[in-house]
PDB file of N, CA and C in Angstrom:
ATOM      1  N   MET A   1      13.279 -10.959 -18.778  1.00  0.00           N
ATOM      2  CA  MET A   1      14.316 -10.050 -18.327  1.00  0.00           C
ATOM      3  C   MET A   1      13.766  -9.058 -17.302  1.00  0.00           C
ATOM      4  N   LEU A   2      12.503  -8.678 -17.439  1.00  0.00           N
ATOM      5  CA  LEU A   2      11.901  -7.739 -16.488  1.00  0.00           C
ATOM      6  C   LEU A   2      12.026  -8.247 -15.060  1.00  0.00           C
ATOM      7  N   GLN A   3      11.793  -9.525 -14.876  1.00  0.00           N
ATOM      8  CA  GLN A   3      11.810 -10.076 -13.524  1.00  0.00           C
ATOM      9  C   GLN A   3      13.227 -10.280 -12.998  1.00  0.00           C
ATOM     10  N   HIS A   4      14.149 -10.718 -13.862  1.00  0.00           N
ATOM     11  CA  HIS A   4      15.474 -11.091 -13.387  1.00  0.00           C
ATOM     12  C   HIS A   4      16.531 -10.001 -13.518  1.00  0.00           C
ATOM     13  N   CYS A   5      16.380  -9.096 -14.464  1.00  0.00           N
ATOM     14  CA  CYS A   5      17.421  -8.081 -14.714  1.00  0.00           C
ATOM     15  C   CYS A   5      16.849  -6.686 -14.933  1.00  0.00           C
ATOM     16  N   PRO A   6      15.946  -6.212 -14.088  1.00  0.00           N
ATOM     17  CA  PRO A   6      15.343  -4.904 -14.354  1.00  0.00           C
ATOM     18  C   PRO A   6      16.338  -3.754 -14.351  1.00  0.00           C
ATOM     19  N   LYS A   7      17.334  -3.793 -13.465  1.00  0.00           N
ATOM     20  CA  LYS A   7      18.322  -2.711 -13.408  1.00  0.00           C
ATOM     21  C   LYS A   7      19.164  -2.689 -14.678  1.00  0.00           C
ATOM     22  N   THR A   8      19.668  -3.846 -15.088  1.00  0.00           N
ATOM     23  CA  THR A   8      20.491  -3.949 -16.288  1.00  0.00           C
ATOM     24  C   THR A   8      19.724  -3.507 -17.527  1.00  0.00           C
ATOM     25  N   CYS A   9      18.445  -3.795 -17.573  1.00  0.00           N
ATOM     26  CA  CYS A   9      17.617  -3.445 -18.732  1.00  0.00           C
ATOM     27  C   CYS A   9      17.147  -1.993 -18.698  1.00  0.00           C
ATOM     28  N   GLY A  10      17.560  -1.238 -17.702  1.00  0.00           N
ATOM     29  CA  GLY A  10      17.178   0.170 -17.628  1.00  0.00           C
ATOM     30  C   GLY A  10      15.758   0.401 -17.179  1.00  0.00           C
ATOM     31  N   LEU A  11      15.209  -0.529 -16.438  1.00  0.00           N
ATOM     32  CA  LEU A  11      13.822  -0.410 -15.993  1.00  0.00           C
ATOM     33  C   LEU A  11      13.694   0.144 -14.582  1.00  0.00           C
ATOM     34  N   CYS A  12      14.817   0.555 -13.999  1.00  0.00           N
ATOM     35  CA  CYS A  12      14.800   1.013 -12.609  1.00  0.00           C
ATOM     36  C   CYS A  12      15.358   2.423 -12.459  1.00  0.00           C
ATOM     37  N   ASP A  13      14.925   3.070 -11.407  1.00  0.00           N
ATOM     38  CA  ASP A  13      15.488   4.339 -10.971  1.00  0.00           C
ATOM     39  C   ASP A  13      16.194   4.077  -9.652  1.00  0.00           C
ATOM     40  N   GLU A  14      17.311   4.761  -9.422  1.00  0.00           N
ATOM     41  CA  GLU A  14      18.042   4.606  -8.167  1.00  0.00           C
ATOM     42  C   GLU A  14      17.532   5.626  -7.159  1.00  0.00           C
ATOM     43  N   VAL A  15      17.237   5.161  -5.982  1.00  0.00           N
ATOM     44  CA  VAL A  15      16.786   6.023  -4.899  1.00  0.00           C
ATOM     45  C   VAL A  15      17.667   5.711  -3.697  1.00  0.00           C
ATOM     46  N   VAL A  16      18.251   6.729  -3.097  1.00  0.00           N
ATOM     47  CA  VAL A  16      19.068   6.510  -1.904  1.00  0.00           C
ATOM     48  C   VAL A  16      18.255   6.938  -0.693  1.00  0.00           C
ATOM     49  N   GLU A  17      18.064   6.012   0.209  1.00  0.00           N
ATOM     50  CA  GLU A  17      17.356   6.289   1.450  1.00  0.00           C
ATOM     51  C   GLU A  17      18.316   6.020   2.601  1.00  0.00           C
ATOM     52  N   PHE A  18      17.901   6.341   3.795  1.00  0.00           N
ATOM     53  CA  PHE A  18      18.735   6.082   4.965  1.00  0.00           C
ATOM     54  C   PHE A  18      17.982   5.186   5.924  1.00  0.00           C
ATOM     55  N   GLU A  19      18.715   4.320   6.575  1.00  0.00           N
ATOM     56  CA  GLU A  19      18.122   3.325   7.451  1.00  0.00           C
ATOM     57  C   GLU A  19      18.888   3.294   8.772  1.00  0.00           C
ATOM     58  N   VAL A  20      18.164   3.178   9.870  1.00  0.00           N
ATOM     59  CA  VAL A  20      18.803   3.060  11.178  1.00  0.00           C
ATOM     60  C   VAL A  20      19.378   1.652  11.290  1.00  0.00           C
ATOM     61  N   ILE A  21      20.654   1.544  11.705  1.00  0.00           N
ATOM     62  CA  ILE A  21      21.251   0.215  11.782  1.00  0.00           C
ATOM     63  C   ILE A  21      21.358  -0.346  13.193  1.00  0.00           C
ATOM     64  N   ASP A  22      21.201   0.485  14.201  1.00  0.00           N
ATOM     65  CA  ASP A  22      21.255  -0.056  15.557  1.00  0.00           C
ATOM     66  C   ASP A  22      20.610   0.901  16.555  1.00  0.00           C
ATOM     67  N   HIS A  23      20.609   0.498  17.805  1.00  0.00           N
ATOM     68  CA  HIS A  23      19.968   1.297  18.852  1.00  0.00           C
ATOM     69  C   HIS A  23      20.689   2.609  19.134  1.00  0.00           C
ATOM     70  N   ASN A  24      21.896   2.789  18.609  1.00  0.00           N
ATOM     71  CA  ASN A  24      22.629   4.050  18.779  1.00  0.00           C
ATOM     72  C   ASN A  24      22.228   5.091  17.738  1.00  0.00           C
ATOM     73  N   MET A  25      21.236   4.755  16.954  1.00  0.00           N
ATOM     74  CA  MET A  25      20.687   5.662  15.933  1.00  0.00           C
ATOM     75  C   MET A  25      21.713   6.049  14.865  1.00  0.00           C
ATOM     76  N   ARG A  26      22.581   5.121  14.518  1.00  0.00           N
ATOM     77  CA  ARG A  26      23.497   5.372  13.407  1.00  0.00           C
ATOM     78  C   ARG A  26      22.734   5.142  12.111  1.00  0.00           C
ATOM     79  N   TRP A  27      22.915   6.035  11.174  1.00  0.00           N
ATOM     80  CA  TRP A  27      22.224   5.959   9.891  1.00  0.00           C
ATOM     81  C   TRP A  27      23.219   5.557   8.807  1.00  0.00           C
ATOM     82  N   VAL A  28      22.770   4.722   7.900  1.00  0.00           N
ATOM     83  CA  VAL A  28      23.604   4.338   6.763  1.00  0.00           C
ATOM     84  C   VAL A  28      22.792   4.514   5.486  1.00  0.00           C
ATOM     85  N   PRO A  29      23.445   4.921   4.391  1.00  0.00           N
ATOM     86  CA  PRO A  29      22.714   5.035   3.133  1.00  0.00           C
ATOM     87  C   PRO A  29      22.393   3.649   2.582  1.00  0.00           C
ATOM     88  N   VAL A  30      21.211   3.506   2.059  1.00  0.00           N
ATOM     89  CA  VAL A  30      20.772   2.256   1.455  1.00  0.00           C
ATOM     90  C   VAL A  30      20.268   2.589   0.059  1.00  0.00           C
ATOM     91  N   THR A  31      20.849   1.959  -0.946  1.00  0.00           N
ATOM     92  CA  THR A  31      20.391   2.191  -2.313  1.00  0.00           C
ATOM     93  C   THR A  31      19.250   1.238  -2.614  1.00  0.00           C
ATOM     94  N   ILE A  32      18.166   1.797  -3.073  1.00  0.00           N
ATOM     95  CA  ILE A  32      16.996   1.007  -3.419  1.00  0.00           C
ATOM     96  C   ILE A  32      16.702   1.254  -4.892  1.00  0.00           C
ATOM     97  N   TRP A  33      16.498   0.192  -5.622  1.00  0.00           N
ATOM     98  CA  TRP A  33      16.155   0.324  -7.034  1.00  0.00           C
ATOM     99  C   TRP A  33      14.649   0.214  -7.156  1.00  0.00           C
ATOM    100  N   THR A  34      14.029   1.242  -7.706  1.00  0.00           N
ATOM    101  CA  THR A  34      12.583   1.223  -7.878  1.00  0.00           C
ATOM    102  C   THR A  34      12.263   1.073  -9.351  1.00  0.00           C
ATOM    103  N   TYR A  35      11.220   0.346  -9.647  1.00  0.00           N
ATOM    104  CA  TYR A  35      10.802   0.170 -11.026  1.00  0.00           C
ATOM    105  C   TYR A  35      10.254   1.476 -11.576  1.00  0.00           C
ATOM    106  N   LYS A  36      10.678   1.821 -12.804  1.00  0.00           N
ATOM    107  CA  LYS A  36      10.118   3.006 -13.451  1.00  0.00           C
ATOM    108  C   LYS A  36       8.636   2.776 -13.700  1.00  0.00           C
ATOM    109  N   ASN A  37       8.297   1.591 -14.144  1.00  0.00           N
ATOM    110  CA  ASN A  37       6.903   1.214 -14.336  1.00  0.00           C
ATOM    111  C   ASN A  37       6.537   0.314 -13.166  1.00  0.00           C
ATOM    112  N   CYS A  38       6.100   0.914 -12.102  1.00  0.00           N
ATOM    113  CA  CYS A  38       5.848   0.173 -10.872  1.00  0.00           C
ATOM    114  C   CYS A  38       4.635  -0.732 -11.049  1.00  0.00           C
ATOM    115  N   ILE A  39       4.880  -2.019 -10.935  1.00  0.00           N
ATOM    116  CA  ILE A  39       3.823  -3.005 -11.149  1.00  0.00           C
ATOM    117  C   ILE A  39       3.941  -4.110 -10.110  1.00  0.00           C
ATOM    118  N   ASP A  40       2.906  -4.918 -10.053  1.00  0.00           N
ATOM    119  CA  ASP A  40       2.959  -6.158  -9.287  1.00  0.00           C
ATOM    120  C   ASP A  40       3.392  -7.257 -10.244  1.00  0.00           C
ATOM    121  N   ASN A  41       4.317  -8.088  -9.818  1.00  0.00           N
ATOM    122  CA  ASN A  41       4.813  -9.175 -10.653  1.00  0.00           C
ATOM    123  C   ASN A  41       4.189 -10.515 -10.295  1.00  0.00           C
ATOM    124  N   SER A  42       3.240 -10.502  -9.402  1.00  0.00           N
ATOM    125  CA  SER A  42       2.575 -11.730  -8.978  1.00  0.00           C
ATOM    126  C   SER A  42       1.069 -11.505  -8.978  1.00  0.00           C
ATOM    127  N   PRO A  43       0.310 -12.489  -9.437  1.00  0.00           N
ATOM    128  CA  PRO A  43      -1.150 -12.340  -9.424  1.00  0.00           C
ATOM    129  C   PRO A  43      -1.750 -12.439  -8.022  1.00  0.00           C
ATOM    130  N   SER A  44      -0.969 -12.845  -7.035  1.00  0.00           N
ATOM    131  CA  SER A  44      -1.519 -13.031  -5.689  1.00  0.00           C
ATOM    132  C   SER A  44      -1.182 -11.892  -4.726  1.00  0.00           C
ATOM    133  N   CYS A  45      -0.790 -10.749  -5.248  1.00  0.00           N
ATOM    134  CA  CYS A  45      -0.379  -9.637  -4.376  1.00  0.00           C
ATOM    135  C   CYS A  45      -1.492  -9.145  -3.462  1.00  0.00           C
ATOM    136  N   GLN A  46      -2.683  -9.014  -3.975  1.00  0.00           N
ATOM    137  CA  GLN A  46      -3.787  -8.542  -3.133  1.00  0.00           C
ATOM    138  C   GLN A  46      -4.012  -9.495  -1.965  1.00  0.00           C
ATOM    139  N   ARG A  47      -3.977 -10.767  -2.256  1.00  0.00           N
ATOM    140  CA  ARG A  47      -4.207 -11.787  -1.231  1.00  0.00           C
ATOM    141  C   ARG A  47      -3.081 -11.804  -0.196  1.00  0.00           C
ATOM    142  N   ARG A  48      -1.856 -11.497  -0.626  1.00  0.00           N
ATOM    143  CA  ARG A  48      -0.696 -11.540   0.273  1.00  0.00           C
ATOM    144  C   ARG A  48      -0.295 -10.159   0.791  1.00  0.00           C
ATOM    145  N   SER A  49      -1.124  -9.166   0.632  1.00  0.00           N
ATOM    146  CA  SER A  49      -0.751  -7.793   0.991  1.00  0.00           C
ATOM    147  C   SER A  49      -0.406  -7.625   2.474  1.00  0.00           C
ATOM    148  N   TYR A  50      -0.918  -8.497   3.319  1.00  0.00           N
ATOM    149  CA  TYR A  50      -0.593  -8.414   4.750  1.00  0.00           C
ATOM    150  C   TYR A  50       0.904  -8.635   5.006  1.00  0.00           C
ATOM    151  N   LEU A  51       1.621  -9.240   4.054  1.00  0.00           N
ATOM    152  CA  LEU A  51       3.057  -9.491   4.213  1.00  0.00           C
ATOM    153  C   LEU A  51       3.904  -8.240   3.967  1.00  0.00           C
ATOM    154  N   CYS A  52       3.320  -7.209   3.387  1.00  0.00           N
ATOM    155  CA  CYS A  52       4.068  -5.996   3.031  1.00  0.00           C
ATOM    156  C   CYS A  52       4.764  -5.356   4.224  1.00  0.00           C
ATOM    157  N   LYS A  53       4.166  -5.411   5.378  1.00  0.00           N
ATOM    158  CA  LYS A  53       4.690  -4.729   6.567  1.00  0.00           C
ATOM    159  C   LYS A  53       5.512  -5.633   7.481  1.00  0.00           C
ATOM    160  N   ILE A  54       5.649  -6.891   7.127  1.00  0.00           N
ATOM    161  CA  ILE A  54       6.415  -7.825   7.953  1.00  0.00           C
ATOM    162  C   ILE A  54       7.871  -7.798   7.487  1.00  0.00           C
ATOM    163  N   PRO A  55       8.808  -7.384   8.351  1.00  0.00           N
ATOM    164  CA  PRO A  55      10.209  -7.220   7.947  1.00  0.00           C
ATOM    165  C   PRO A  55      10.813  -8.431   7.236  1.00  0.00           C
ATOM    166  N   LEU A  56      10.469  -9.618   7.649  1.00  0.00           N
ATOM    167  CA  LEU A  56      11.011 -10.829   7.042  1.00  0.00           C
ATOM    168  C   LEU A  56      10.661 -10.933   5.555  1.00  0.00           C
ATOM    169  N   TYR A  57       9.520 -10.383   5.154  1.00  0.00           N
ATOM    170  CA  TYR A  57       9.048 -10.494   3.782  1.00  0.00           C
ATOM    171  C   TYR A  57       9.232  -9.224   2.957  1.00  0.00           C
ATOM    172  N   LYS A  58       9.752  -8.172   3.559  1.00  0.00           N
ATOM    173  CA  LYS A  58       9.797  -6.869   2.892  1.00  0.00           C
ATOM    174  C   LYS A  58      10.536  -6.900   1.554  1.00  0.00           C
ATOM    175  N   ASN A  59      11.719  -7.502   1.486  1.00  0.00           N
ATOM    176  CA  ASN A  59      12.485  -7.509   0.238  1.00  0.00           C
ATOM    177  C   ASN A  59      11.779  -8.262  -0.877  1.00  0.00           C
ATOM    178  N   ILE A  60      11.237  -9.426  -0.582  1.00  0.00           N
ATOM    179  CA  ILE A  60      10.545 -10.194  -1.624  1.00  0.00           C
ATOM    180  C   ILE A  60       9.268  -9.481  -2.047  1.00  0.00           C
ATOM    181  N   MET A  61       8.590  -8.847  -1.106  1.00  0.00           N
ATOM    182  CA  MET A  61       7.362  -8.134  -1.463  1.00  0.00           C
ATOM    183  C   MET A  61       7.672  -6.903  -2.304  1.00  0.00           C
ATOM    184  N   LYS A  62       8.828  -6.268  -2.096  1.00  0.00           N
ATOM    185  CA  LYS A  62       9.228  -5.145  -2.948  1.00  0.00           C
ATOM    186  C   LYS A  62       9.414  -5.606  -4.384  1.00  0.00           C
ATOM    187  N   MET A  63       9.948  -6.800  -4.551  1.00  0.00           N
ATOM    188  CA  MET A  63      10.173  -7.325  -5.893  1.00  0.00           C
ATOM    189  C   MET A  63       8.886  -7.821  -6.533  1.00  0.00           C
ATOM    190  N   GLU A  64       8.068  -8.516  -5.772  1.00  0.00           N
ATOM    191  CA  GLU A  64       6.886  -9.168  -6.328  1.00  0.00           C
ATOM    192  C   GLU A  64       5.629  -8.301  -6.323  1.00  0.00           C
ATOM    193  N   CYS A  65       5.481  -7.427  -5.325  1.00  0.00           N
ATOM    194  CA  CYS A  65       4.216  -6.707  -5.139  1.00  0.00           C
ATOM    195  C   CYS A  65       4.434  -5.229  -4.819  1.00  0.00           C
ATOM    196  N   ALA A  66       5.346  -4.595  -5.528  1.00  0.00           N
ATOM    197  CA  ALA A  66       5.698  -3.197  -5.240  1.00  0.00           C
ATOM    198  C   ALA A  66       4.487  -2.270  -5.287  1.00  0.00           C
ATOM    199  N   TYR A  67       3.637  -2.429  -6.268  1.00  0.00           N
ATOM    200  CA  TYR A  67       2.473  -1.551  -6.417  1.00  0.00           C
ATOM    201  C   TYR A  67       1.488  -1.746  -5.259  1.00  0.00           C
ATOM    202  N   THR A  68       1.108  -2.978  -5.005  1.00  0.00           N
ATOM    203  CA  THR A  68       0.151  -3.280  -3.939  1.00  0.00           C
ATOM    204  C   THR A  68       0.658  -2.833  -2.574  1.00  0.00           C
ATOM    205  N   CYS A  69       1.955  -3.014  -2.333  1.00  0.00           N
ATOM    206  CA  CYS A  69       2.530  -2.674  -1.029  1.00  0.00           C
ATOM    207  C   CYS A  69       2.822  -1.186  -0.878  1.00  0.00           C
ATOM    208  N   GLY A  70       2.703  -0.430  -1.944  1.00  0.00           N
ATOM    209  CA  GLY A  70       2.957   1.003  -1.862  1.00  0.00           C
ATOM    210  C   GLY A  70       4.432   1.354  -1.833  1.00  0.00           C
ATOM    211  N   PHE A  71       5.283   0.487  -2.402  1.00  0.00           N
ATOM    212  CA  PHE A  71       6.714   0.751  -2.419  1.00  0.00           C
ATOM    213  C   PHE A  71       7.142   1.601  -3.610  1.00  0.00           C
ATOM    214  N   CYS A  72       6.258   1.942  -4.484  1.00  0.00           N
ATOM    215  CA  CYS A  72       6.608   2.716  -5.678  1.00  0.00           C
ATOM    216  C   CYS A  72       7.078   4.110  -5.290  1.00  0.00           C
ATOM    217  N   GLY A  73       8.167   4.521  -5.873  1.00  0.00           N
ATOM    218  CA  GLY A  73       8.674   5.854  -5.618  1.00  0.00           C
ATOM    219  C   GLY A  73       9.388   6.013  -4.297  1.00  0.00           C
ATOM    220  N   ARG A  74       9.650   4.917  -3.615  1.00  0.00           N
ATOM    221  CA  ARG A  74      10.392   4.969  -2.358  1.00  0.00           C
ATOM    222  C   ARG A  74      11.739   4.347  -2.555  1.00  0.00           C
TER     223      ARG A  74
END
C-alpha cells in the first residue's frame, strides 16, 4: 500500500507550490504530495540520481527516489 496508495493511507503531506506554465510567466498552483517518511522506494536510486534533474524523469523520480533526489519537504 505504501507504494500504490500513500495518500489514501495517510502517508503524505499536501504541499502547494507554483509553477510557470508558459513564456508569459503565468503561474498556476500545483499540489504536490510529499511523503511524511521521505524514503527511496528503489534500491537503484544512487545509481540513477542523475535522472533527478531531467524533466522527463522528474515525476517518476519523485515517487521512486524522493530522498536521493532531495524532493523531501518540497
